[in-house]
Amino acid sequence: MKDLLKKLSETFDKEAEKIKEYVTNKSGYASDFFDILPAFTSLEKRPRKMWGKKGVYIFLITKPVPLDYNIVSAWNSVSGAGFKSYSQPSLVTGDCLYVGSSDSLYGRMREHFSADSGAASLKLSHPNRKLAIESVCVYSFALKREFADYSSMIITQIEKRLHNSLHPKAGSSRV
């Protein structure tokens, strides 16, 4: 059993690394677990292929977003997905803003781009967070149907590994 768990952990590590390489270096991506969905930059452009899909997603910064103490404080005054710390003068191109997973990718994107969604959301339309809405690209990966019975385990483990390797600027850590 211990060997099986080790092999499974190694498989998840490799999958998360492939996703990270695809997103950060635009390298080729082939997976046994996920289908890559078209990247998008606004709620209106989210692909219909997300409908009814479970998976993981990454918000990547596409152009610099200036930060200062007041901007970070305003962002963090909104519930959900706050900045962990203020340690740089801006978000730069290629920074990971947020990593997540969902049993409903299409609906979850609506929540992240909304101003008044649930507590654990980016709420990019909120006045205190609009500064980033024009500077993100969302990469999403839909779990293949043959893994539906194991979806919670797979997407949770991949999300955790992506979070630990991409170090998103906003949101809580995954343990």
N, C-alpha and C. Protein backbone atom coordinates (compact mmCIF):
# COMPACT_ATOMS: atom_id res chain seq x y z
N MET A 1 0.82 -1.19 0.00
CA MET A 1 0.00 0.00 0.00
C MET A 1 0.87 1.26 0.00
N LYS A 2 1.93 1.23 0.79
CA LYS A 2 2.83 2.38 0.87
C LYS A 2 3.44 2.69 -0.50
N ASP A 3 3.83 1.64 -1.24
CA ASP A 3 4.40 1.83 -2.57
C ASP A 3 3.37 2.42 -3.53
N LEU A 4 2.13 1.98 -3.42
CA LEU A 4 1.07 2.50 -4.27
C LEU A 4 0.84 3.99 -4.00
N LEU A 5 0.81 4.38 -2.75
CA LEU A 5 0.62 5.78 -2.39
C LEU A 5 1.80 6.64 -2.87
N LYS A 6 2.99 6.09 -2.76
CA LYS A 6 4.18 6.82 -3.23
C LYS A 6 4.11 7.03 -4.74
N LYS A 7 3.72 6.00 -5.47
CA LYS A 7 3.61 6.10 -6.93
C LYS A 7 2.53 7.10 -7.32
N LEU A 8 1.41 7.08 -6.62
CA LEU A 8 0.33 8.02 -6.88
C LEU A 8 0.78 9.46 -6.62
N SER A 9 1.49 9.67 -5.52
CA SER A 9 2.02 10.99 -5.20
C SER A 9 2.99 11.47 -6.28
N GLU A 10 3.85 10.59 -6.74
CA GLU A 10 4.80 10.94 -7.80
C GLU A 10 4.07 11.28 -9.10
N THR A 11 3.00 10.56 -9.39
CA THR A 11 2.20 10.83 -10.59
C THR A 11 1.57 12.21 -10.50
N PHE A 12 1.03 12.57 -9.34
CA PHE A 12 0.46 13.90 -9.16
C PHE A 12 1.52 14.98 -9.26
N ASP A 13 2.70 14.73 -8.71
CA ASP A 13 3.81 15.69 -8.82
C ASP A 13 4.15 15.96 -10.28
N LYS A 14 4.25 14.91 -11.07
CA LYS A 14 4.59 15.05 -12.49
C LYS A 14 3.51 15.80 -13.25
N GLU A 15 2.26 15.49 -12.95
CA GLU A 15 1.16 16.17 -13.63
C GLU A 15 1.15 17.66 -13.31
N ALA A 16 1.32 18.01 -12.06
CA ALA A 16 1.36 19.42 -11.67
C ALA A 16 2.54 20.12 -12.34
N GLU A 17 3.66 19.46 -12.44
CA GLU A 17 4.82 20.06 -13.10
C GLU A 17 4.56 20.29 -14.59
N LYS A 18 3.87 19.37 -15.26
CA LYS A 18 3.52 19.54 -16.67
C LYS A 18 2.60 20.75 -16.85
N ILE A 19 1.63 20.90 -15.97
CA ILE A 19 0.72 22.04 -16.05
C ILE A 19 1.49 23.34 -15.82
N LYS A 20 2.35 23.35 -14.81
CA LYS A 20 3.15 24.54 -14.53
C LYS A 20 4.02 24.92 -15.73
N GLU A 21 4.66 23.95 -16.34
CA GLU A 21 5.50 24.21 -17.51
C GLU A 21 4.68 24.76 -18.67
N TYR A 22 3.52 24.22 -18.87
CA TYR A 22 2.65 24.70 -19.95
C TYR A 22 2.27 26.16 -19.71
N VAL A 23 1.86 26.48 -18.51
CA VAL A 23 1.38 27.83 -18.20
C VAL A 23 2.53 28.84 -18.18
N THR A 24 3.64 28.50 -17.59
CA THR A 24 4.73 29.47 -17.43
C THR A 24 5.66 29.55 -18.63
N ASN A 25 5.85 28.43 -19.33
CA ASN A 25 6.81 28.41 -20.44
C ASN A 25 6.18 28.11 -21.78
N LYS A 26 4.86 27.96 -21.80
CA LYS A 26 4.11 27.65 -23.03
C LYS A 26 4.64 26.39 -23.72
N SER A 27 5.10 25.45 -22.91
CA SER A 27 5.60 24.19 -23.45
C SER A 27 4.42 23.30 -23.82
N GLY A 28 4.70 22.25 -24.58
CA GLY A 28 3.66 21.31 -24.95
C GLY A 28 3.03 20.68 -23.72
N TYR A 29 1.79 20.23 -23.88
CA TYR A 29 1.10 19.64 -22.74
C TYR A 29 0.35 18.41 -23.21
N ALA A 30 0.67 17.30 -22.61
CA ALA A 30 -0.06 16.05 -22.84
C ALA A 30 -0.31 15.43 -21.48
N SER A 31 -1.53 14.98 -21.25
CA SER A 31 -1.90 14.49 -19.94
C SER A 31 -2.80 13.28 -20.03
N ASP A 32 -2.64 12.40 -19.07
CA ASP A 32 -3.58 11.30 -18.92
C ASP A 32 -4.80 11.74 -18.14
N PHE A 33 -4.69 12.80 -17.33
CA PHE A 33 -5.76 13.22 -16.43
C PHE A 33 -6.66 14.33 -16.97
N PHE A 34 -6.06 15.32 -17.66
CA PHE A 34 -6.78 16.54 -18.01
C PHE A 34 -6.77 16.84 -19.50
N ASP A 35 -7.82 17.55 -19.92
CA ASP A 35 -7.86 18.18 -21.24
C ASP A 35 -7.64 19.66 -21.02
N ILE A 36 -6.77 20.25 -21.83
CA ILE A 36 -6.55 21.69 -21.70
C ILE A 36 -7.71 22.40 -22.38
N LEU A 37 -8.20 23.45 -21.75
CA LEU A 37 -9.27 24.26 -22.30
C LEU A 37 -8.67 25.56 -22.81
N PRO A 38 -9.36 26.25 -23.74
CA PRO A 38 -8.81 27.52 -24.24
C PRO A 38 -8.62 28.54 -23.11
N ALA A 39 -7.49 29.22 -23.15
CA ALA A 39 -7.23 30.29 -22.17
C ALA A 39 -8.15 31.46 -22.49
N PHE A 40 -8.48 32.26 -21.47
CA PHE A 40 -9.37 33.40 -21.70
C PHE A 40 -9.01 34.52 -20.73
N THR A 41 -9.50 35.73 -21.07
CA THR A 41 -9.11 36.92 -20.32
C THR A 41 -10.28 37.67 -19.69
N SER A 42 -11.51 37.23 -19.92
CA SER A 42 -12.67 37.88 -19.32
C SER A 42 -13.80 36.87 -19.19
N LEU A 43 -14.74 37.21 -18.35
CA LEU A 43 -15.88 36.32 -18.13
C LEU A 43 -16.61 36.03 -19.43
N GLU A 44 -16.76 37.02 -20.27
CA GLU A 44 -17.48 36.85 -21.53
C GLU A 44 -16.75 35.90 -22.48
N LYS A 45 -15.46 35.76 -22.29
CA LYS A 45 -14.66 34.90 -23.18
C LYS A 45 -14.43 33.50 -22.63
N ARG A 46 -14.99 33.18 -21.46
CA ARG A 46 -14.78 31.84 -20.91
C ARG A 46 -15.37 30.82 -21.88
N PRO A 47 -14.64 29.77 -22.14
CA PRO A 47 -15.08 28.80 -23.14
C PRO A 47 -16.28 27.97 -22.69
N ARG A 48 -17.22 27.75 -23.59
CA ARG A 48 -18.38 26.91 -23.29
C ARG A 48 -17.95 25.49 -22.96
N LYS A 49 -16.74 25.10 -23.40
CA LYS A 49 -16.23 23.76 -23.11
C LYS A 49 -16.05 23.54 -21.61
N MET A 50 -16.08 24.61 -20.83
CA MET A 50 -15.97 24.49 -19.37
C MET A 50 -17.26 23.94 -18.76
N TRP A 51 -18.37 24.12 -19.47
CA TRP A 51 -19.68 23.77 -18.94
C TRP A 51 -19.70 22.31 -18.49
N GLY A 52 -20.07 22.07 -17.24
CA GLY A 52 -20.19 20.73 -16.70
C GLY A 52 -18.87 20.04 -16.41
N LYS A 53 -17.76 20.77 -16.45
CA LYS A 53 -16.43 20.18 -16.24
C LYS A 53 -15.89 20.47 -14.85
N LYS A 54 -15.15 19.50 -14.36
CA LYS A 54 -14.41 19.64 -13.10
C LYS A 54 -12.94 19.80 -13.46
N GLY A 55 -12.20 20.52 -12.63
CA GLY A 55 -10.79 20.65 -12.93
C GLY A 55 -10.07 21.68 -12.09
N VAL A 56 -8.91 22.07 -12.60
CA VAL A 56 -8.07 23.07 -11.94
C VAL A 56 -7.87 24.25 -12.87
N TYR A 57 -7.52 25.40 -12.27
CA TYR A 57 -7.33 26.60 -13.08
C TYR A 57 -6.29 27.51 -12.43
N ILE A 58 -5.71 28.36 -13.27
CA ILE A 58 -4.66 29.27 -12.83
C ILE A 58 -4.94 30.65 -13.43
N PHE A 59 -4.92 31.68 -12.58
CA PHE A 59 -5.00 33.06 -13.05
C PHE A 59 -3.56 33.58 -13.12
N LEU A 60 -3.13 33.92 -14.32
CA LEU A 60 -1.77 34.40 -14.54
C LEU A 60 -1.82 35.88 -14.93
N ILE A 61 -0.89 36.66 -14.42
CA ILE A 61 -0.81 38.09 -14.74
C ILE A 61 -0.20 38.26 -16.14
N THR A 62 -0.86 39.08 -16.99
CA THR A 62 -0.40 39.28 -18.36
C THR A 62 0.25 40.64 -18.59
N LYS A 63 -0.01 41.58 -17.68
CA LYS A 63 0.65 42.89 -17.75
C LYS A 63 0.77 43.43 -16.34
N PRO A 64 1.78 44.25 -16.08
CA PRO A 64 2.04 44.71 -14.71
C PRO A 64 0.83 45.38 -14.05
N VAL A 65 0.70 45.14 -12.76
CA VAL A 65 -0.34 45.76 -11.93
C VAL A 65 0.38 46.45 -10.78
N PRO A 66 0.37 47.80 -10.76
CA PRO A 66 1.06 48.51 -9.68
C PRO A 66 0.42 48.22 -8.33
N LEU A 67 1.24 48.08 -7.32
CA LEU A 67 0.78 47.84 -5.96
C LEU A 67 1.46 48.83 -5.03
N ASP A 68 0.76 49.16 -3.97
CA ASP A 68 1.35 49.87 -2.85
C ASP A 68 0.55 49.48 -1.62
N TYR A 69 0.94 49.99 -0.49
CA TYR A 69 0.28 49.61 0.75
C TYR A 69 -1.23 49.86 0.69
N ASN A 70 -1.64 51.02 0.16
CA ASN A 70 -3.07 51.37 0.11
C ASN A 70 -3.84 50.44 -0.82
N ILE A 71 -3.26 50.11 -1.95
CA ILE A 71 -3.93 49.21 -2.91
C ILE A 71 -4.10 47.82 -2.30
N VAL A 72 -3.05 47.31 -1.69
CA VAL A 72 -3.11 45.99 -1.06
C VAL A 72 -4.12 46.00 0.09
N SER A 73 -4.13 47.06 0.88
CA SER A 73 -5.08 47.17 1.99
C SER A 73 -6.52 47.19 1.48
N ALA A 74 -6.77 47.93 0.41
CA ALA A 74 -8.11 47.98 -0.18
C ALA A 74 -8.51 46.61 -0.71
N TRP A 75 -7.59 45.95 -1.41
CA TRP A 75 -7.86 44.60 -1.92
C TRP A 75 -8.22 43.66 -0.77
N ASN A 76 -7.43 43.69 0.28
CA ASN A 76 -7.63 42.78 1.41
C ASN A 76 -8.84 43.15 2.27
N SER A 77 -9.41 44.33 2.09
CA SER A 77 -10.61 44.70 2.84
C SER A 77 -11.85 43.95 2.32
N VAL A 78 -11.73 43.35 1.15
CA VAL A 78 -12.82 42.55 0.56
C VAL A 78 -12.61 41.11 1.01
N SER A 79 -13.68 40.44 1.41
CA SER A 79 -13.53 39.06 1.88
C SER A 79 -13.12 38.15 0.72
N GLY A 80 -12.27 37.19 1.04
CA GLY A 80 -11.85 36.18 0.07
C GLY A 80 -10.62 36.57 -0.74
N ALA A 81 -9.77 35.58 -0.98
CA ALA A 81 -8.61 35.69 -1.87
C ALA A 81 -7.79 36.95 -1.68
N GLY A 82 -7.40 37.23 -0.45
CA GLY A 82 -6.57 38.39 -0.18
C GLY A 82 -5.11 38.15 -0.54
N PHE A 83 -4.36 39.26 -0.64
CA PHE A 83 -2.92 39.15 -0.84
C PHE A 83 -2.32 38.66 0.47
N LYS A 84 -1.36 37.74 0.36
CA LYS A 84 -0.72 37.20 1.56
C LYS A 84 0.17 38.22 2.23
N SER A 85 0.90 38.94 1.41
CA SER A 85 1.78 39.97 1.95
C SER A 85 2.07 40.98 0.85
N TYR A 86 2.53 42.12 1.26
CA TYR A 86 2.93 43.14 0.30
C TYR A 86 4.45 43.20 0.31
N SER A 87 5.04 42.65 -0.73
CA SER A 87 6.51 42.59 -0.74
C SER A 87 7.11 43.04 -2.06
N GLN A 88 6.29 43.51 -2.99
CA GLN A 88 6.84 43.96 -4.26
C GLN A 88 6.01 45.13 -4.76
N PRO A 89 6.61 46.01 -5.58
CA PRO A 89 5.91 47.21 -6.02
C PRO A 89 4.83 46.95 -7.07
N SER A 90 4.81 45.76 -7.66
CA SER A 90 3.75 45.45 -8.63
C SER A 90 3.68 43.95 -8.86
N LEU A 91 2.54 43.54 -9.39
CA LEU A 91 2.45 42.19 -9.94
C LEU A 91 3.06 42.30 -11.33
N VAL A 92 3.91 41.39 -11.69
CA VAL A 92 4.58 41.47 -12.98
C VAL A 92 4.06 40.38 -13.91
N THR A 93 4.28 40.59 -15.19
CA THR A 93 3.86 39.62 -16.19
C THR A 93 4.45 38.25 -15.84
N GLY A 94 3.60 37.26 -15.80
CA GLY A 94 4.02 35.91 -15.48
C GLY A 94 3.78 35.51 -14.04
N ASP A 95 3.47 36.49 -13.16
CA ASP A 95 3.12 36.14 -11.78
C ASP A 95 1.83 35.33 -11.77
N CYS A 96 1.76 34.40 -10.86
CA CYS A 96 0.52 33.66 -10.63
C CYS A 96 -0.29 34.44 -9.62
N LEU A 97 -1.49 34.84 -10.00
CA LEU A 97 -2.36 35.56 -9.07
C LEU A 97 -3.12 34.58 -8.18
N TYR A 98 -3.60 33.47 -8.78
CA TYR A 98 -4.49 32.58 -8.02
C TYR A 98 -4.51 31.20 -8.65
N VAL A 99 -4.62 30.18 -7.82
CA VAL A 99 -4.77 28.80 -8.25
C VAL A 99 -6.01 28.24 -7.57
N GLY A 100 -6.81 27.50 -8.31
CA GLY A 100 -8.00 26.91 -7.71
C GLY A 100 -8.43 25.64 -8.41
N SER A 101 -9.46 25.04 -7.86
CA SER A 101 -10.08 23.87 -8.47
C SER A 101 -11.57 23.95 -8.21
N SER A 102 -12.34 23.25 -9.03
CA SER A 102 -13.79 23.31 -8.87
C SER A 102 -14.46 22.11 -9.51
N ASP A 103 -15.63 21.77 -8.98
CA ASP A 103 -16.48 20.76 -9.59
C ASP A 103 -17.36 21.38 -10.68
N SER A 104 -17.25 22.70 -10.85
CA SER A 104 -18.00 23.41 -11.87
C SER A 104 -17.15 24.58 -12.37
N LEU A 105 -16.25 24.32 -13.30
CA LEU A 105 -15.33 25.36 -13.77
C LEU A 105 -16.07 26.57 -14.34
N TYR A 106 -17.10 26.34 -15.14
CA TYR A 106 -17.83 27.43 -15.78
C TYR A 106 -18.44 28.36 -14.73
N GLY A 107 -19.13 27.79 -13.76
CA GLY A 107 -19.75 28.59 -12.70
C GLY A 107 -18.74 29.26 -11.79
N ARG A 108 -17.65 28.57 -11.53
CA ARG A 108 -16.62 29.12 -10.65
C ARG A 108 -15.99 30.36 -11.25
N MET A 109 -15.83 30.38 -12.57
CA MET A 109 -15.26 31.56 -13.21
C MET A 109 -16.20 32.75 -13.05
N ARG A 110 -17.51 32.53 -13.12
CA ARG A 110 -18.49 33.60 -12.90
C ARG A 110 -18.28 34.19 -11.50
N GLU A 111 -18.05 33.32 -10.51
CA GLU A 111 -17.83 33.79 -9.15
C GLU A 111 -16.55 34.62 -9.04
N HIS A 112 -15.48 34.18 -9.68
CA HIS A 112 -14.20 34.90 -9.59
C HIS A 112 -14.25 36.26 -10.27
N PHE A 113 -15.03 36.39 -11.35
CA PHE A 113 -15.12 37.66 -12.06
C PHE A 113 -16.23 38.56 -11.52
N SER A 114 -17.02 38.07 -10.57
CA SER A 114 -18.12 38.83 -9.99
C SER A 114 -17.61 39.70 -8.84
N ALA A 115 -18.42 40.68 -8.46
CA ALA A 115 -18.06 41.54 -7.32
C ALA A 115 -18.65 41.05 -6.01
N ASP A 116 -19.68 40.22 -6.07
CA ASP A 116 -20.39 39.86 -4.85
C ASP A 116 -20.58 38.35 -4.72
N SER A 117 -19.57 37.61 -5.06
CA SER A 117 -19.65 36.15 -4.99
C SER A 117 -19.26 35.65 -3.60
N GLY A 118 -19.10 34.35 -3.48
CA GLY A 118 -18.79 33.72 -2.20
C GLY A 118 -17.52 34.20 -1.54
N ALA A 119 -17.32 33.78 -0.32
CA ALA A 119 -16.21 34.25 0.51
C ALA A 119 -14.85 33.90 -0.05
N ALA A 120 -14.69 32.73 -0.66
CA ALA A 120 -13.39 32.30 -1.17
C ALA A 120 -13.32 32.53 -2.67
N SER A 121 -13.29 33.79 -3.06
CA SER A 121 -13.30 34.12 -4.47
C SER A 121 -12.48 35.37 -4.74
N LEU A 122 -12.03 35.53 -5.98
CA LEU A 122 -11.24 36.71 -6.34
C LEU A 122 -12.08 37.99 -6.40
N LYS A 123 -13.32 37.90 -6.80
CA LYS A 123 -14.22 39.06 -6.90
C LYS A 123 -13.57 40.19 -7.70
N LEU A 124 -13.11 39.87 -8.91
CA LEU A 124 -12.36 40.83 -9.70
C LEU A 124 -13.17 42.04 -10.16
N SER A 125 -14.49 41.99 -10.10
CA SER A 125 -15.31 43.15 -10.47
C SER A 125 -15.56 44.11 -9.30
N HIS A 126 -15.13 43.73 -8.11
CA HIS A 126 -15.31 44.61 -6.96
C HIS A 126 -14.45 45.86 -7.18
N PRO A 127 -14.96 47.04 -6.81
CA PRO A 127 -14.19 48.28 -7.02
C PRO A 127 -12.78 48.24 -6.45
N ASN A 128 -12.57 47.55 -5.33
CA ASN A 128 -11.23 47.48 -4.73
C ASN A 128 -10.33 46.46 -5.42
N ARG A 129 -10.86 45.73 -6.40
CA ARG A 129 -10.06 44.69 -7.07
C ARG A 129 -10.04 44.83 -8.58
N LYS A 130 -10.73 45.81 -9.10
CA LYS A 130 -10.80 45.98 -10.56
C LYS A 130 -9.44 46.21 -11.21
N LEU A 131 -8.47 46.63 -10.44
CA LEU A 131 -7.15 46.91 -11.00
C LEU A 131 -6.54 45.69 -11.69
N ALA A 132 -6.95 44.50 -11.32
CA ALA A 132 -6.37 43.28 -11.90
C ALA A 132 -7.22 42.65 -13.00
N ILE A 133 -8.46 43.10 -13.17
CA ILE A 133 -9.37 42.41 -14.09
C ILE A 133 -8.90 42.46 -15.54
N GLU A 134 -8.21 43.51 -15.92
CA GLU A 134 -7.72 43.64 -17.30
C GLU A 134 -6.33 43.03 -17.48
N SER A 135 -5.80 42.45 -16.41
CA SER A 135 -4.42 41.96 -16.44
C SER A 135 -4.28 40.48 -16.16
N VAL A 136 -5.35 39.70 -16.35
CA VAL A 136 -5.27 38.27 -16.09
C VAL A 136 -5.63 37.44 -17.31
N CYS A 137 -5.04 36.27 -17.34
CA CYS A 137 -5.39 35.25 -18.31
C CYS A 137 -5.64 33.98 -17.50
N VAL A 138 -6.74 33.30 -17.78
CA VAL A 138 -7.09 32.11 -17.04
C VAL A 138 -6.77 30.87 -17.88
N TYR A 139 -6.00 29.98 -17.28
CA TYR A 139 -5.69 28.69 -17.88
C TYR A 139 -6.46 27.64 -17.10
N SER A 140 -7.19 26.80 -17.80
CA SER A 140 -7.98 25.80 -17.09
C SER A 140 -7.79 24.42 -17.72
N PHE A 141 -7.92 23.43 -16.86
CA PHE A 141 -7.66 22.05 -17.22
C PHE A 141 -8.82 21.20 -16.72
N ALA A 142 -9.57 20.61 -17.65
CA ALA A 142 -10.76 19.83 -17.31
C ALA A 142 -10.39 18.37 -17.12
N LEU A 143 -10.84 17.80 -16.02
CA LEU A 143 -10.58 16.40 -15.72
C LEU A 143 -11.29 15.53 -16.74
N LYS A 144 -10.59 14.55 -17.25
CA LYS A 144 -11.18 13.63 -18.23
C LYS A 144 -12.26 12.78 -17.56
N ARG A 145 -13.28 12.45 -18.32
CA ARG A 145 -14.45 11.73 -17.80
C ARG A 145 -14.10 10.42 -17.10
N GLU A 146 -13.12 9.71 -17.59
CA GLU A 146 -12.80 8.41 -16.99
C GLU A 146 -12.31 8.50 -15.55
N PHE A 147 -12.01 9.72 -15.10
CA PHE A 147 -11.56 9.91 -13.72
C PHE A 147 -12.63 10.53 -12.83
N ALA A 148 -13.86 10.59 -13.30
CA ALA A 148 -14.95 11.24 -12.56
C ALA A 148 -15.13 10.67 -11.15
N ASP A 149 -14.97 9.38 -10.98
CA ASP A 149 -15.15 8.77 -9.66
C ASP A 149 -14.08 9.19 -8.66
N TYR A 150 -12.98 9.72 -9.16
CA TYR A 150 -11.86 10.10 -8.29
C TYR A 150 -11.58 11.61 -8.37
N SER A 151 -12.55 12.36 -8.88
CA SER A 151 -12.32 13.77 -9.17
C SER A 151 -11.88 14.58 -7.96
N SER A 152 -12.52 14.40 -6.83
CA SER A 152 -12.16 15.20 -5.65
C SER A 152 -10.72 14.99 -5.25
N MET A 153 -10.28 13.75 -5.24
CA MET A 153 -8.90 13.46 -4.86
C MET A 153 -7.93 14.04 -5.88
N ILE A 154 -8.19 13.82 -7.15
CA ILE A 154 -7.24 14.24 -8.19
C ILE A 154 -7.12 15.75 -8.24
N ILE A 155 -8.24 16.46 -8.36
CA ILE A 155 -8.13 17.91 -8.53
C ILE A 155 -7.62 18.59 -7.26
N THR A 156 -7.96 18.06 -6.11
CA THR A 156 -7.45 18.63 -4.86
C THR A 156 -5.94 18.47 -4.76
N GLN A 157 -5.44 17.31 -5.11
CA GLN A 157 -4.00 17.05 -5.03
C GLN A 157 -3.23 17.87 -6.07
N ILE A 158 -3.76 17.99 -7.27
CA ILE A 158 -3.08 18.79 -8.31
C ILE A 158 -3.10 20.26 -7.92
N GLU A 159 -4.25 20.75 -7.43
CA GLU A 159 -4.33 22.15 -6.99
C GLU A 159 -3.30 22.43 -5.90
N LYS A 160 -3.19 21.57 -4.94
CA LYS A 160 -2.23 21.74 -3.84
C LYS A 160 -0.80 21.84 -4.38
N ARG A 161 -0.46 20.97 -5.28
CA ARG A 161 0.90 20.98 -5.84
C ARG A 161 1.15 22.22 -6.69
N LEU A 162 0.17 22.63 -7.46
CA LEU A 162 0.32 23.86 -8.25
C LEU A 162 0.47 25.07 -7.33
N HIS A 163 -0.31 25.11 -6.30
CA HIS A 163 -0.23 26.21 -5.35
C HIS A 163 1.16 26.28 -4.72
N ASN A 164 1.70 25.13 -4.35
CA ASN A 164 3.01 25.09 -3.71
C ASN A 164 4.15 25.43 -4.67
N SER A 165 3.97 25.18 -5.96
CA SER A 165 5.06 25.48 -6.91
C SER A 165 4.92 26.85 -7.58
N LEU A 166 3.70 27.33 -7.76
CA LEU A 166 3.49 28.62 -8.44
C LEU A 166 3.45 29.80 -7.47
N HIS A 167 3.24 29.54 -6.19
CA HIS A 167 3.21 30.59 -5.16
C HIS A 167 2.30 31.76 -5.55
N PRO A 168 1.00 31.51 -5.68
CA PRO A 168 0.09 32.59 -6.06
C PRO A 168 0.12 33.75 -5.07
N LYS A 169 -0.06 34.95 -5.60
CA LYS A 169 0.01 36.15 -4.77
C LYS A 169 -1.23 36.33 -3.92
N ALA A 170 -2.39 35.82 -4.38
CA ALA A 170 -3.65 35.98 -3.63
C ALA A 170 -4.22 34.62 -3.30
N GLY A 171 -5.00 34.59 -2.23
CA GLY A 171 -5.66 33.34 -1.82
C GLY A 171 -4.93 32.68 -0.67
N SER A 172 -5.60 31.74 -0.05
CA SER A 172 -5.01 31.04 1.08
C SER A 172 -4.15 29.87 0.60
N SER A 173 -3.24 29.44 1.44
CA SER A 173 -2.35 28.33 1.07
C SER A 173 -3.13 27.01 1.12
N ARG A 174 -2.67 26.05 0.40
CA ARG A 174 -3.28 24.72 0.37
C ARG A 174 -2.38 23.77 1.16
N VAL A 175 -2.95 23.04 2.07
CA VAL A 175 -2.16 22.14 2.91
C VAL A 175 -2.37 20.71 2.48
